[in-house]
């Protein structure tokens, strides 16, 4: 009889005590989850700031690269480190008489790389900056709305078909466009649906811009070197031609000096000793 009030108290308080303990555990779990999310977000922000702070080092590394091939390889390595993307494709090219083109790919099948590097997709991707601007993001290639939106662009449909067959779900393209000149494309894909954060897009645009600027500087430097070489060649030709009056020797001098500029030229050289004199002609090749 004397234990009845205690049993009544225990039966009334124990459920509330258990509920309080469970509530405290739930709050603790929520706190830990929130704390973990904050830590992950802080790590992402610190990583983003670190990559932005290292962009000048990346630009310097590109400027010191001797050719576009190494530029593309370094950009591929850097984008992999930044975004963890295993499926990437970089096309760099220059125009002019000594135009070059180089492709760097990672994670994509040989068949896909071959199709992307063949016409008409090669030219289509190389000039994508002129068509779409510096950035094109396709979050989900499998959506029917993508096919409808691009139904009038037959080449884009081929690009989408190639990427879908490769297994890519999300596609992002950065056009290497600098002052109305196209130097290629940086393409990044994901086999799972991926939403790029705004800061990631800005970072990728900065990387693409640095690669485009490096390509432009390399092209300008190469053009300046070629122009300087041609001026030196013209000076040598002038000095050599003034040193002899023999027609065959002059033709040989021109052939030898112009070979480095025109390959193996075939030309005629004619002159007259006087206004009414017969023309003398020499032929190279």
C-alpha atoms as a PDB file:
ATOM      1  CA  UNK A   1       0.000   0.000   0.000  1.00  0.00           C
ATOM      2  CA  UNK A   2       2.883   2.378   0.793  1.00  0.00           C
ATOM      3  CA  UNK A   3       4.514   1.950  -2.619  1.00  0.00           C
ATOM      4  CA  UNK A   4       1.427   2.897  -4.590  1.00  0.00           C
ATOM      5  CA  UNK A   5       2.168   6.662  -4.847  1.00  0.00           C
ATOM      6  CA  UNK A   6       5.754   5.928  -5.958  1.00  0.00           C
ATOM      7  CA  UNK A   7       4.584   3.547  -8.663  1.00  0.00           C
ATOM      8  CA  UNK A   8       2.077   6.139  -9.795  1.00  0.00           C
ATOM      9  CA  UNK A   9       4.793   8.816  -9.941  1.00  0.00           C
ATOM     10  CA  UNK A  10       7.151   6.492 -11.827  1.00  0.00           C
ATOM     11  CA  UNK A  11       4.499   5.577 -14.347  1.00  0.00           C
ATOM     12  CA  UNK A  12       3.650   9.225 -14.980  1.00  0.00           C
ATOM     13  CA  UNK A  13       7.209  10.606 -15.216  1.00  0.00           C
ATOM     14  CA  UNK A  14       9.054   7.826 -17.027  1.00  0.00           C
ATOM     15  CA  UNK A  15       7.364   8.366 -20.438  1.00  0.00           C
ATOM     16  CA  UNK A  16       8.078  12.081 -20.238  1.00  0.00           C
ATOM     17  CA  UNK A  17      11.675  11.373 -19.289  1.00  0.00           C
ATOM     18  CA  UNK A  18      12.103   9.009 -22.213  1.00  0.00           C
ATOM     19  CA  UNK A  19      10.492  11.538 -24.541  1.00  0.00           C
ATOM     20  CA  UNK A  20      12.880  14.242 -23.278  1.00  0.00           C
ATOM     21  CA  UNK A  21      15.880  11.974 -23.839  1.00  0.00           C
ATOM     22  CA  UNK A  22      14.693  11.125 -27.356  1.00  0.00           C
ATOM     23  CA  UNK A  23      14.108  14.818 -28.083  1.00  0.00           C
ATOM     24  CA  UNK A  24      17.597  15.667 -26.847  1.00  0.00           C
ATOM     25  CA  UNK A  25      19.064  12.942 -29.052  1.00  0.00           C
ATOM     26  CA  UNK A  26      17.157  14.265 -32.074  1.00  0.00           C
ATOM     27  CA  UNK A  27      18.343  17.807 -31.366  1.00  0.00           C
ATOM     28  CA  UNK A  28      21.905  16.540 -30.967  1.00  0.00           C
ATOM     29  CA  UNK A  29      21.703  14.673 -34.272  1.00  0.00           C
ATOM     30  CA  UNK A  30      20.275  17.742 -36.017  1.00  0.00           C
ATOM     31  CA  UNK A  31      23.027  19.865 -34.532  1.00  0.00           C
ATOM     32  CA  UNK A  32      25.700  17.439 -35.694  1.00  0.00           C
ATOM     33  CA  UNK A  33      24.186  17.259 -39.191  1.00  0.00           C
ATOM     34  CA  UNK A  34      24.008  21.059 -39.372  1.00  0.00           C
ATOM     35  CA  UNK A  35      27.555  21.361 -38.072  1.00  0.00           C
ATOM     36  CA  UNK A  36      28.762  18.820 -40.631  1.00  0.00           C
ATOM     37  CA  UNK A  37      27.023  20.669 -43.442  1.00  0.00           C
ATOM     38  CA  UNK A  38      28.612  23.918 -42.335  1.00  0.00           C
ATOM     39  CA  UNK A  39      32.028  22.256 -42.289  1.00  0.00           C
ATOM     40  CA  UNK A  40      31.504  20.824 -45.789  1.00  0.00           C
ATOM     41  CA  UNK A  41      30.277  24.187 -47.088  1.00  0.00           C
ATOM     42  CA  UNK A  42      33.215  25.944 -45.444  1.00  0.00           C
ATOM     43  CA  UNK A  43      35.608  23.483 -47.066  1.00  0.00           C
ATOM     44  CA  UNK A  44      33.983  24.096 -50.471  1.00  0.00           C
ATOM     45  CA  UNK A  45      34.213  27.864 -50.019  1.00  0.00           C
ATOM     46  CA  UNK A  46      37.849  27.614 -48.960  1.00  0.00           C
ATOM     47  CA  UNK A  47      38.613  25.383 -51.948  1.00  0.00           C
ATOM     48  CA  UNK A  48      36.887  27.838 -54.304  1.00  0.00           C
ATOM     49  CA  UNK A  49      38.827  30.762 -52.841  1.00  0.00           C
ATOM     50  CA  UNK A  50      42.039  28.776 -53.109  1.00  0.00           C
ATOM     51  CA  UNK A  51      41.413  27.993 -56.777  1.00  0.00           C
ATOM     52  CA  UNK A  52      40.581  31.632 -57.523  1.00  0.00           C
ATOM     53  CA  UNK A  53      43.716  32.764 -55.716  1.00  0.00           C
ATOM     54  CA  UNK A  54      45.805  30.340 -57.778  1.00  0.00           C
ATOM     55  CA  UNK A  55      44.421  31.460 -61.132  1.00  0.00           C
ATOM     56  CA  UNK A  56      47.336  33.843 -61.670  1.00  0.00           C
ATOM     57  CA  UNK A  57      49.742  30.912 -61.191  1.00  0.00           C
ATOM     58  CA  UNK A  58      47.748  28.922 -63.707  1.00  0.00           C
ATOM     59  CA  UNK A  59      47.860  31.828 -66.173  1.00  0.00           C
ATOM     60  CA  UNK A  60      51.620  32.079 -65.700  1.00  0.00           C
ATOM     61  CA  UNK A  61      52.011  28.357 -66.338  1.00  0.00           C
ATOM     62  CA  UNK A  62      50.030  28.673 -69.573  1.00  0.00           C
ATOM     63  CA  UNK A  63      52.098  31.682 -70.669  1.00  0.00           C
ATOM     64  CA  UNK A  64      55.291  29.671 -70.146  1.00  0.00           C
ATOM     65  CA  UNK A  65      54.015  26.705 -72.165  1.00  0.00           C
ATOM     66  CA  UNK A  66      55.889  26.384 -75.465  1.00  0.00           C
ATOM     67  CA  UNK A  67      52.931  25.206 -77.551  1.00  0.00           C
ATOM     68  CA  UNK A  68      49.129  24.777 -77.477  1.00  0.00           C
ATOM     69  CA  UNK A  69      49.452  21.045 -76.761  1.00  0.00           C
ATOM     70  CA  UNK A  70      50.990  21.686 -73.367  1.00  0.00           C
ATOM     71  CA  UNK A  71      48.452  24.449 -72.720  1.00  0.00           C
ATOM     72  CA  UNK A  72      45.594  22.008 -73.312  1.00  0.00           C
ATOM     73  CA  UNK A  73      47.218  19.317 -71.160  1.00  0.00           C
ATOM     74  CA  UNK A  74      47.734  21.716 -68.242  1.00  0.00           C
ATOM     75  CA  UNK A  75      44.158  22.976 -68.540  1.00  0.00           C
ATOM     76  CA  UNK A  76      42.851  19.405 -68.512  1.00  0.00           C
ATOM     77  CA  UNK A  77      44.842  18.645 -65.385  1.00  0.00           C
ATOM     78  CA  UNK A  78      43.676  21.813 -63.631  1.00  0.00           C
ATOM     79  CA  UNK A  79      39.967  21.368 -64.436  1.00  0.00           C
ATOM     80  CA  UNK A  80      40.130  17.768 -63.191  1.00  0.00           C
ATOM     81  CA  UNK A  81      41.604  18.960 -59.908  1.00  0.00           C
ATOM     82  CA  UNK A  82      39.053  21.766 -59.563  1.00  0.00           C
ATOM     83  CA  UNK A  83      35.844  20.003 -60.514  1.00  0.00           C
ATOM     84  CA  UNK A  84      36.627  16.321 -60.196  1.00  0.00           C
ATOM     85  CA  UNK A  85      35.316  15.711 -63.689  1.00  0.00           C
ATOM     86  CA  UNK A  86      36.444  12.469 -65.273  1.00  0.00           C
ATOM     87  CA  UNK A  87      34.941  13.203 -68.706  1.00  0.00           C
ATOM     88  CA  UNK A  88      36.473  16.197 -70.458  1.00  0.00           C
ATOM     89  CA  UNK A  89      37.389  17.283 -73.976  1.00  0.00           C
ATOM     90  CA  UNK A  90      39.549  20.247 -74.995  1.00  0.00           C
ATOM     91  CA  UNK A  91      40.062  21.459 -78.556  1.00  0.00           C
ATOM     92  CA  UNK A  92      42.549  24.240 -79.272  1.00  0.00           C
ATOM     93  CA  UNK A  93      43.354  25.577 -82.715  1.00  0.00           C
ATOM     94  CA  UNK A  94      44.761  28.548 -84.573  1.00  0.00           C
ATOM     95  CA  UNK A  95      44.043  29.905 -88.027  1.00  0.00           C
ATOM     96  CA  UNK A  96      46.247  31.138 -90.842  1.00  0.00           C
ATOM     97  CA  UNK A  97      48.803  29.601 -93.157  1.00  0.00           C
ATOM     98  CA  UNK A  98      50.505  27.753 -90.285  1.00  0.00           C
ATOM     99  CA  UNK A  99      47.308  26.762 -88.467  1.00  0.00           C
ATOM    100  CA  UNK A 100      47.507  24.035 -85.855  1.00  0.00           C
ATOM    101  CA  UNK A 101      44.860  21.938 -84.104  1.00  0.00           C
ATOM    102  CA  UNK A 102      45.198  19.789 -80.992  1.00  0.00           C
ATOM    103  CA  UNK A 103      42.714  17.659 -79.059  1.00  0.00           C
ATOM    104  CA  UNK A 104      43.062  16.576 -75.431  1.00  0.00           C
ATOM    105  CA  UNK A 105      40.480  14.160 -73.985  1.00  0.00           C
ATOM    106  CA  UNK A 106      39.946  12.309 -70.730  1.00  0.00           C
ATOM    107  CA  UNK A 107      37.436   9.648 -69.750  1.00  0.00           C
ATOM    108  CA  UNK A 108      35.727   9.533 -73.156  1.00  0.00           C
ATOM    109  CA  UNK A 109      35.828   6.502 -75.416  1.00  0.00           C
ATOM    110  CA  UNK A 110      38.062   6.507 -78.470  1.00  0.00           C
ATOM    111  CA  UNK A 111      34.977   6.355 -80.706  1.00  0.00           C
ATOM    112  CA  UNK A 112      33.500   9.474 -79.099  1.00  0.00           C
ATOM    113  CA  UNK A 113      36.776  11.395 -79.348  1.00  0.00           C
ATOM    114  CA  UNK A 114      37.052  10.379 -83.007  1.00  0.00           C
ATOM    115  CA  UNK A 115      33.549  11.647 -83.788  1.00  0.00           C
ATOM    116  CA  UNK A 116      34.061  14.905 -81.897  1.00  0.00           C
ATOM    117  CA  UNK A 117      37.348  15.451 -83.751  1.00  0.00           C
ATOM    118  CA  UNK A 118      35.832  14.785 -87.179  1.00  0.00           C
ATOM    119  CA  UNK A 119      33.743  17.074 -89.343  1.00  0.00           C
ATOM    120  CA  UNK A 120      31.266  18.589 -88.955  1.00  0.00           C
ATOM    121  CA  UNK A 121      31.548  18.461 -85.148  1.00  0.00           C
ATOM    122  CA  UNK A 122      35.199  19.590 -85.152  1.00  0.00           C
ATOM    123  CA  UNK A 123      34.483  22.930 -86.827  1.00  0.00           C
ATOM    124  CA  UNK A 124      31.199  23.259 -84.944  1.00  0.00           C
ATOM    125  CA  UNK A 125      32.907  22.974 -81.554  1.00  0.00           C
ATOM    126  CA  UNK A 126      35.902  25.070 -82.595  1.00  0.00           C
ATOM    127  CA  UNK A 127      33.636  28.039 -83.320  1.00  0.00           C
ATOM    128  CA  UNK A 128      31.050  27.489 -80.582  1.00  0.00           C
ATOM    129  CA  UNK A 129      32.063  30.741 -78.910  1.00  0.00           C
ATOM    130  CA  UNK A 130      30.828  32.661 -81.949  1.00  0.00           C
ATOM    131  CA  UNK A 131      27.520  30.795 -81.839  1.00  0.00           C
ATOM    132  CA  UNK A 132      26.646  30.542 -78.133  1.00  0.00           C
ATOM    133  CA  UNK A 133      28.997  32.934 -76.363  1.00  0.00           C
ATOM    134  CA  UNK A 134      31.498  31.860 -73.744  1.00  0.00           C
ATOM    135  CA  UNK A 135      29.275  29.453 -71.817  1.00  0.00           C
ATOM    136  CA  UNK A 136      26.606  26.866 -72.597  1.00  0.00           C
ATOM    137  CA  UNK A 137      25.184  24.674 -69.817  1.00  0.00           C
ATOM    138  CA  UNK A 138      22.925  21.702 -70.571  1.00  0.00           C
ATOM    139  CA  UNK A 139      21.877  20.258 -67.181  1.00  0.00           C
ATOM    140  CA  UNK A 140      20.084  17.207 -68.609  1.00  0.00           C
ATOM    141  CA  UNK A 141      20.711  16.015 -72.165  1.00  0.00           C
ATOM    142  CA  UNK A 142      18.014  13.368 -71.885  1.00  0.00           C
ATOM    143  CA  UNK A 143      15.178  15.878 -71.528  1.00  0.00           C
ATOM    144  CA  UNK A 144      12.889  16.026 -74.574  1.00  0.00           C
ATOM    145  CA  UNK A 145      12.844  19.813 -74.219  1.00  0.00           C
ATOM    146  CA  UNK A 146      16.526  19.929 -75.204  1.00  0.00           C
ATOM    147  CA  UNK A 147      15.782  18.188 -78.501  1.00  0.00           C
ATOM    148  CA  UNK A 148      12.828  20.482 -79.145  1.00  0.00           C
ATOM    149  CA  UNK A 149      14.793  23.656 -78.349  1.00  0.00           C
ATOM    150  CA  UNK A 150      17.611  22.683 -80.732  1.00  0.00           C
ATOM    151  CA  UNK A 151      15.554  20.960 -83.437  1.00  0.00           C
ATOM    152  CA  UNK A 152      16.657  23.452 -86.103  1.00  0.00           C
ATOM    153  CA  UNK A 153      20.346  22.863 -85.407  1.00  0.00           C
ATOM    154  CA  UNK A 154      21.162  19.550 -87.091  1.00  0.00           C
ATOM    155  CA  UNK A 155      24.815  19.575 -86.029  1.00  0.00           C
ATOM    156  CA  UNK A 156      23.899  20.149 -82.401  1.00  0.00           C
ATOM    157  CA  UNK A 157      21.603  17.138 -82.623  1.00  0.00           C
ATOM    158  CA  UNK A 158      24.624  15.099 -83.754  1.00  0.00           C
ATOM    159  CA  UNK A 159      26.623  16.446 -80.811  1.00  0.00           C
ATOM    160  CA  UNK A 160      23.823  15.536 -78.403  1.00  0.00           C
ATOM    161  CA  UNK A 161      23.546  12.064 -79.937  1.00  0.00           C
ATOM    162  CA  UNK A 162      27.288  11.456 -79.514  1.00  0.00           C
ATOM    163  CA  UNK A 163      27.225  12.601 -75.885  1.00  0.00           C
ATOM    164  CA  UNK A 164      24.099  10.596 -74.995  1.00  0.00           C
ATOM    165  CA  UNK A 165      25.566   7.438 -76.531  1.00  0.00           C
ATOM    166  CA  UNK A 166      28.696   8.033 -74.470  1.00  0.00           C
ATOM    167  CA  UNK A 167      26.497   8.068 -71.377  1.00  0.00           C
ATOM    168  CA  UNK A 168      26.825  11.747 -70.514  1.00  0.00           C
ATOM    169  CA  UNK A 169      23.899  13.328 -68.678  1.00  0.00           C
ATOM    170  CA  UNK A 170      25.099  16.891 -68.020  1.00  0.00           C
ATOM    171  CA  UNK A 171      27.169  18.865 -70.527  1.00  0.00           C
ATOM    172  CA  UNK A 172      28.994  22.156 -70.139  1.00  0.00           C
ATOM    173  CA  UNK A 173      30.875  23.970 -72.925  1.00  0.00           C
ATOM    174  CA  UNK A 174      33.167  26.987 -72.612  1.00  0.00           C
ATOM    175  CA  UNK A 175      34.039  28.709 -75.878  1.00  0.00           C
ATOM    176  CA  UNK A 176      37.619  29.978 -76.111  1.00  0.00           C
ATOM    177  CA  UNK A 177      36.579  33.291 -77.641  1.00  0.00           C
ATOM    178  CA  UNK A 178      38.947  36.273 -77.363  1.00  0.00           C
ATOM    179  CA  UNK A 179      38.279  39.556 -79.181  1.00  0.00           C
ATOM    180  CA  UNK A 180      36.154  37.982 -81.942  1.00  0.00           C
ATOM    181  CA  UNK A 181      38.657  35.179 -82.510  1.00  0.00           C
ATOM    182  CA  UNK A 182      37.829  31.530 -81.733  1.00  0.00           C
ATOM    183  CA  UNK A 183      40.562  29.285 -80.378  1.00  0.00           C
ATOM    184  CA  UNK A 184      38.533  26.171 -79.554  1.00  0.00           C
ATOM    185  CA  UNK A 185      36.370  24.783 -76.786  1.00  0.00           C
ATOM    186  CA  UNK A 186      36.582  23.369 -73.272  1.00  0.00           C
ATOM    187  CA  UNK A 187      33.910  20.694 -72.797  1.00  0.00           C
ATOM    188  CA  UNK A 188      33.081  19.014 -69.503  1.00  0.00           C
ATOM    189  CA  UNK A 189      30.536  16.236 -69.036  1.00  0.00           C
ATOM    190  CA  UNK A 190      29.026  14.238 -66.203  1.00  0.00           C
ATOM    191  CA  UNK A 191      27.468  10.781 -66.381  1.00  0.00           C
ATOM    192  CA  UNK A 192      25.160  11.724 -63.509  1.00  0.00           C
ATOM    193  CA  UNK A 193      22.861  14.695 -63.274  1.00  0.00           C
ATOM    194  CA  UNK A 194      25.009  17.515 -61.928  1.00  0.00           C
ATOM    195  CA  UNK A 195      24.090  21.055 -60.988  1.00  0.00           C
ATOM    196  CA  UNK A 196      27.052  23.413 -61.206  1.00  0.00           C
ATOM    197  CA  UNK A 197      27.153  26.130 -58.565  1.00  0.00           C
ATOM    198  CA  UNK A 198      27.434  29.761 -59.803  1.00  0.00           C
ATOM    199  CA  UNK A 199      30.927  30.064 -58.349  1.00  0.00           C
ATOM    200  CA  UNK A 200      31.974  26.910 -60.236  1.00  0.00           C
ATOM    201  CA  UNK A 201      30.694  28.397 -63.496  1.00  0.00           C
ATOM    202  CA  UNK A 202      32.595  31.635 -62.845  1.00  0.00           C
ATOM    203  CA  UNK A 203      35.725  29.654 -62.065  1.00  0.00           C
ATOM    204  CA  UNK A 204      35.402  27.567 -65.227  1.00  0.00           C
ATOM    205  CA  UNK A 205      34.829  30.712 -67.290  1.00  0.00           C
ATOM    206  CA  UNK A 206      38.006  32.195 -65.804  1.00  0.00           C
ATOM    207  CA  UNK A 207      39.958  29.054 -66.721  1.00  0.00           C
ATOM    208  CA  UNK A 208      38.585  29.127 -70.277  1.00  0.00           C
ATOM    209  CA  UNK A 209      39.379  32.818 -70.600  1.00  0.00           C
ATOM    210  CA  UNK A 210      42.965  32.274 -69.484  1.00  0.00           C
ATOM    211  CA  UNK A 211      43.405  29.449 -71.970  1.00  0.00           C
ATOM    212  CA  UNK A 212      41.945  31.606 -74.759  1.00  0.00           C
ATOM    213  CA  UNK A 213      44.204  34.544 -73.880  1.00  0.00           C
ATOM    214  CA  UNK A 214      47.230  32.248 -73.751  1.00  0.00           C
ATOM    215  CA  UNK A 215      46.342  30.892 -77.201  1.00  0.00           C
ATOM    216  CA  UNK A 216      45.965  34.409 -78.584  1.00  0.00           C
ATOM    217  CA  UNK A 217      49.290  35.543 -77.095  1.00  0.00           C
ATOM    218  CA  UNK A 218      51.001  32.462 -78.501  1.00  0.00           C
ATOM    219  CA  UNK A 219      49.538  33.142 -81.962  1.00  0.00           C
ATOM    220  CA  UNK A 220      50.552  36.817 -81.855  1.00  0.00           C
ATOM    221  CA  UNK A 221      54.056  35.932 -80.699  1.00  0.00           C
ATOM    222  CA  UNK A 222      54.389  33.346 -83.459  1.00  0.00           C
ATOM    223  CA  UNK A 223      53.158  35.835 -86.072  1.00  0.00           C
ATOM    224  CA  UNK A 224      55.646  38.429 -84.799  1.00  0.00           C
ATOM    225  CA  UNK A 225      58.476  35.889 -84.992  1.00  0.00           C
ATOM    226  CA  UNK A 226      57.462  34.959 -88.524  1.00  0.00           C
ATOM    227  CA  UNK A 227      57.318  38.614 -89.554  1.00  0.00           C
ATOM    228  CA  UNK A 228      60.748  39.203 -88.035  1.00  0.00           C
ATOM    229  CA  UNK A 229      62.080  36.133 -89.864  1.00  0.00           C
ATOM    230  CA  UNK A 230      60.702  37.426 -93.161  1.00  0.00           C
ATOM    231  CA  UNK A 231      62.319  40.840 -92.623  1.00  0.00           C
ATOM    232  CA  UNK A 232      65.674  39.211 -91.909  1.00  0.00           C
ATOM    233  CA  UNK A 233      65.254  37.055 -95.005  1.00  0.00           C
ATOM    234  CA  UNK A 234      64.494  40.097 -97.176  1.00  0.00           C
ATOM    235  CA  UNK A 235      67.569  41.847 -95.815  1.00  0.00           C
ATOM    236  CA  UNK A 236      69.769  38.833 -96.629  1.00  0.00           C
ATOM    237  CA  UNK A 237      68.272  38.604-100.129  1.00  0.00           C
ATOM    238  CA  UNK A 238      68.897  42.287-100.748  1.00  0.00           C
ATOM    239  CA  UNK A 239      72.500  42.057 -99.607  1.00  0.00           C
ATOM    240  CA  UNK A 240      73.117  38.878-101.616  1.00  0.00           C
ATOM    241  CA  UNK A 241      71.564  40.187-104.833  1.00  0.00           C
ATOM    242  CA  UNK A 242      73.666  43.345-104.681  1.00  0.00           C
ATOM    243  CA  UNK A 243      76.790  41.216-104.389  1.00  0.00           C
ATOM    244  CA  UNK A 244      76.394  39.519-107.798  1.00  0.00           C
ATOM    245  CA  UNK A 245      75.067  40.323-111.260  1.00  0.00           C
ATOM    246  CA  UNK A 246      74.992  36.726-112.439  1.00  0.00           C
ATOM    247  CA  UNK A 247      71.382  35.800-113.216  1.00  0.00           C
ATOM    248  CA  UNK A 248      71.707  32.144-112.288  1.00  0.00           C
ATOM    249  CA  UNK A 249      73.363  33.053-108.979  1.00  0.00           C
ATOM    250  CA  UNK A 250      70.551  35.486-108.180  1.00  0.00           C
ATOM    251  CA  UNK A 251      67.919  32.852-108.954  1.00  0.00           C
ATOM    252  CA  UNK A 252      69.719  30.400-106.694  1.00  0.00           C
ATOM    253  CA  UNK A 253      69.878  32.992-103.897  1.00  0.00           C
ATOM    254  CA  UNK A 254      66.132  33.639-104.146  1.00  0.00           C
ATOM    255  CA  UNK A 255      65.337  29.935-104.257  1.00  0.00           C
ATOM    256  CA  UNK A 256      67.451  29.209-101.182  1.00  0.00           C
ATOM    257  CA  UNK A 257      66.112  32.099 -99.100  1.00  0.00           C
ATOM    258  CA  UNK A 258      62.460  31.705-100.071  1.00  0.00           C
ATOM    259  CA  UNK A 259      62.436  27.973 -99.426  1.00  0.00           C
ATOM    260  CA  UNK A 260      61.946  28.516 -95.689  1.00  0.00           C
ATOM    261  CA  UNK A 261      58.954  30.781 -96.314  1.00  0.00           C
ATOM    262  CA  UNK A 262      57.271  29.318 -99.395  1.00  0.00           C
ATOM    263  CA  UNK A 263      58.422  25.721 -99.215  1.00  0.00           C
ATOM    264  CA  UNK A 264      59.945  24.852-102.612  1.00  0.00           C
ATOM    265  CA  UNK A 265      59.006  27.755-104.867  1.00  0.00           C
ATOM    266  CA  UNK A 266      59.185  27.710-108.666  1.00  0.00           C
ATOM    267  CA  UNK A 267      59.486  31.156-110.216  1.00  0.00           C
ATOM    268  CA  UNK A 268      61.058  33.114-113.094  1.00  0.00           C
ATOM    269  CA  UNK A 269      63.352  36.091-112.778  1.00  0.00           C
ATOM    270  CA  UNK A 270      63.623  38.424-115.781  1.00  0.00           C
ATOM    271  CA  UNK A 271      65.451  41.699-116.341  1.00  0.00           C
ATOM    272  CA  UNK A 272      66.878  43.847-119.168  1.00  0.00           C
ATOM    273  CA  UNK A 273      70.324  45.413-119.367  1.00  0.00           C
ATOM    274  CA  UNK A 274      68.763  48.362-121.182  1.00  0.00           C
ATOM    275  CA  UNK A 275      65.317  49.592-122.144  1.00  0.00           C
ATOM    276  CA  UNK A 276      65.543  48.169-125.659  1.00  0.00           C
ATOM    277  CA  UNK A 277      67.741  45.188-124.827  1.00  0.00           C
ATOM    278  CA  UNK A 278      66.530  41.581-124.937  1.00  0.00           C
ATOM    279  CA  UNK A 279      65.131  40.240-121.633  1.00  0.00           C
ATOM    280  CA  UNK A 280      67.171  37.685-119.755  1.00  0.00           C
ATOM    281  CA  UNK A 281      65.213  35.078-117.869  1.00  0.00           C
ATOM    282  CA  UNK A 282      66.206  32.608-115.189  1.00  0.00           C
ATOM    283  CA  UNK A 283      64.024  29.874-113.764  1.00  0.00           C
ATOM    284  CA  UNK A 284      64.212  28.118-110.439  1.00  0.00           C
ATOM    285  CA  UNK A 285      63.206  24.480-109.911  1.00  0.00           C
END
